[in-house]
Amino acid sequence: MLISVEISYYPLNEEYKKPILAFIEDLKKNKNLVVRTNTMATQVFGEFDEVMDIVKSCINRAFLLPHSVFVMKVINADLRD
């Protein structure tokens, strides 16, 4: 099943840009995902199991930075258009 995920990441510290960019680059390492960004969120498209496994791993690594907040929307459709 193809899904679309919208993720907003809020590192709660003064140096917030670097962790956000690192999270996005971490997602982009997997060539089976389509990753798009805008000023408000990162959008990830792909197969359900693969997207969820990769997003979980990337969030886990981001949580090494204390006080990180993620907000996600998961849609069971490919909304790339």
C-alpha atoms as a PDB file:
ATOM      1  CA  MET A   1       0.000   0.000   0.000  1.00  0.00           C
ATOM      2  CA  LEU A   2       1.337   3.428  -0.919  1.00  0.00           C
ATOM      3  CA  ILE A   3       1.188   6.103   1.772  1.00  0.00           C
ATOM      4  CA  SER A   4       1.959   9.770   2.259  1.00  0.00           C
ATOM      5  CA  VAL A   5       3.400  11.107   5.509  1.00  0.00           C
ATOM      6  CA  GLU A   6       3.733  14.739   6.502  1.00  0.00           C
ATOM      7  CA  ILE A   7       6.239  15.367   9.295  1.00  0.00           C
ATOM      8  CA  SER A   8       6.958  18.549  11.221  1.00  0.00           C
ATOM      9  CA  TYR A   9      10.036  18.435  13.441  1.00  0.00           C
ATOM     10  CA  TYR A  10      10.598  20.914  16.257  1.00  0.00           C
ATOM     11  CA  PRO A  11      13.940  20.643  18.060  1.00  0.00           C
ATOM     12  CA  LEU A  12      13.389  22.672  21.224  1.00  0.00           C
ATOM     13  CA  ASN A  13      16.687  24.496  21.363  1.00  0.00           C
ATOM     14  CA  GLU A  14      18.296  27.577  19.861  1.00  0.00           C
ATOM     15  CA  GLU A  15      20.204  25.557  17.256  1.00  0.00           C
ATOM     16  CA  TYR A  16      17.108  24.153  15.558  1.00  0.00           C
ATOM     17  CA  LYS A  17      18.040  24.376  11.862  1.00  0.00           C
ATOM     18  CA  LYS A  18      20.946  21.926  11.901  1.00  0.00           C
ATOM     19  CA  PRO A  19      18.951  19.019  13.444  1.00  0.00           C
ATOM     20  CA  ILE A  20      16.066  19.584  11.014  1.00  0.00           C
ATOM     21  CA  LEU A  21      18.386  19.502   8.001  1.00  0.00           C
ATOM     22  CA  ALA A  22      20.132  16.395   9.380  1.00  0.00           C
ATOM     23  CA  PHE A  23      16.757  14.654   9.816  1.00  0.00           C
ATOM     24  CA  ILE A  24      15.772  15.435   6.223  1.00  0.00           C
ATOM     25  CA  GLU A  25      19.108  14.194   4.896  1.00  0.00           C
ATOM     26  CA  ASP A  26      18.699  11.020   6.943  1.00  0.00           C
ATOM     27  CA  LEU A  27      15.323  10.407   5.274  1.00  0.00           C
ATOM     28  CA  LYS A  28      16.778  11.073   1.816  1.00  0.00           C
ATOM     29  CA  LYS A  29      19.407   8.339   2.234  1.00  0.00           C
ATOM     30  CA  ASN A  30      16.810   5.753   1.217  1.00  0.00           C
ATOM     31  CA  LYS A  31      16.330   5.885  -2.543  1.00  0.00           C
ATOM     32  CA  ASN A  32      12.992   4.025  -2.393  1.00  0.00           C
ATOM     33  CA  LEU A  33      11.318   6.999  -0.720  1.00  0.00           C
ATOM     34  CA  VAL A  34      10.276  10.268  -2.289  1.00  0.00           C
ATOM     35  CA  VAL A  35      11.066  13.114   0.125  1.00  0.00           C
ATOM     36  CA  ARG A  36       9.802  16.639  -0.451  1.00  0.00           C
ATOM     37  CA  THR A  37      10.216  19.633   1.807  1.00  0.00           C
ATOM     38  CA  ASN A  38       8.586  23.006   2.226  1.00  0.00           C
ATOM     39  CA  THR A  39       8.763  25.698   4.880  1.00  0.00           C
ATOM     40  CA  MET A  40       6.260  23.959   7.158  1.00  0.00           C
ATOM     41  CA  ALA A  41       6.893  20.217   6.836  1.00  0.00           C
ATOM     42  CA  THR A  42       8.621  17.304   5.159  1.00  0.00           C
ATOM     43  CA  GLN A  43       6.542  14.962   3.027  1.00  0.00           C
ATOM     44  CA  VAL A  44       7.508  11.323   2.516  1.00  0.00           C
ATOM     45  CA  PHE A  45       5.935   8.981  -0.041  1.00  0.00           C
ATOM     46  CA  GLY A  46       6.365   5.246  -0.557  1.00  0.00           C
ATOM     47  CA  GLU A  47       5.316   1.768   0.517  1.00  0.00           C
ATOM     48  CA  PHE A  48       3.752   1.637   3.992  1.00  0.00           C
ATOM     49  CA  ASP A  49       6.156  -0.760   5.724  1.00  0.00           C
ATOM     50  CA  GLU A  50       9.253   0.808   4.260  1.00  0.00           C
ATOM     51  CA  VAL A  51       8.195   4.395   4.984  1.00  0.00           C
ATOM     52  CA  MET A  52       7.189   3.618   8.551  1.00  0.00           C
ATOM     53  CA  ASP A  53      10.384   1.650   9.279  1.00  0.00           C
ATOM     54  CA  ILE A  54      12.613   4.406   7.896  1.00  0.00           C
ATOM     55  CA  VAL A  55      10.709   7.249   9.561  1.00  0.00           C
ATOM     56  CA  LYS A  56      10.853   5.353  12.867  1.00  0.00           C
ATOM     57  CA  SER A  57      14.635   4.918  12.558  1.00  0.00           C
ATOM     58  CA  CYS A  58      15.189   8.555  11.607  1.00  0.00           C
ATOM     59  CA  ILE A  59      13.052   9.817  14.490  1.00  0.00           C
ATOM     60  CA  ASN A  60      14.901   7.498  16.862  1.00  0.00           C
ATOM     61  CA  ARG A  61      18.232   9.037  15.809  1.00  0.00           C
ATOM     62  CA  ALA A  62      16.799  12.561  16.086  1.00  0.00           C
ATOM     63  CA  PHE A  63      15.643  11.817  19.638  1.00  0.00           C
ATOM     64  CA  LEU A  64      19.293  11.681  20.666  1.00  0.00           C
ATOM     65  CA  LEU A  65      18.886  15.447  20.827  1.00  0.00           C
ATOM     66  CA  PRO A  66      16.929  16.146  24.014  1.00  0.00           C
ATOM     67  CA  HIS A  67      13.498  17.706  23.794  1.00  0.00           C
ATOM     68  CA  SER A  68      12.596  17.022  20.183  1.00  0.00           C
ATOM     69  CA  VAL A  69       8.954  17.141  19.077  1.00  0.00           C
ATOM     70  CA  PHE A  70       7.510  15.460  15.964  1.00  0.00           C
ATOM     71  CA  VAL A  71       4.027  15.976  14.535  1.00  0.00           C
ATOM     72  CA  MET A  72       2.957  13.520  11.810  1.00  0.00           C
ATOM     73  CA  LYS A  73       0.029  12.915   9.517  1.00  0.00           C
ATOM     74  CA  VAL A  74      -0.192   9.534   7.771  1.00  0.00           C
ATOM     75  CA  ILE A  75      -2.510   9.094   4.790  1.00  0.00           C
ATOM     76  CA  ASN A  76      -3.222   5.743   3.135  1.00  0.00           C
ATOM     77  CA  ALA A  77      -2.920   7.190  -0.363  1.00  0.00           C
ATOM     78  CA  ASP A  78      -0.196   8.505  -2.637  1.00  0.00           C
ATOM     79  CA  LEU A  79      -0.739  12.285  -2.673  1.00  0.00           C
ATOM     80  CA  ARG A  80       2.307  13.234  -4.741  1.00  0.00           C
ATOM     81  CA  ASP A  81       0.462  15.050  -7.510  1.00  0.00           C
END
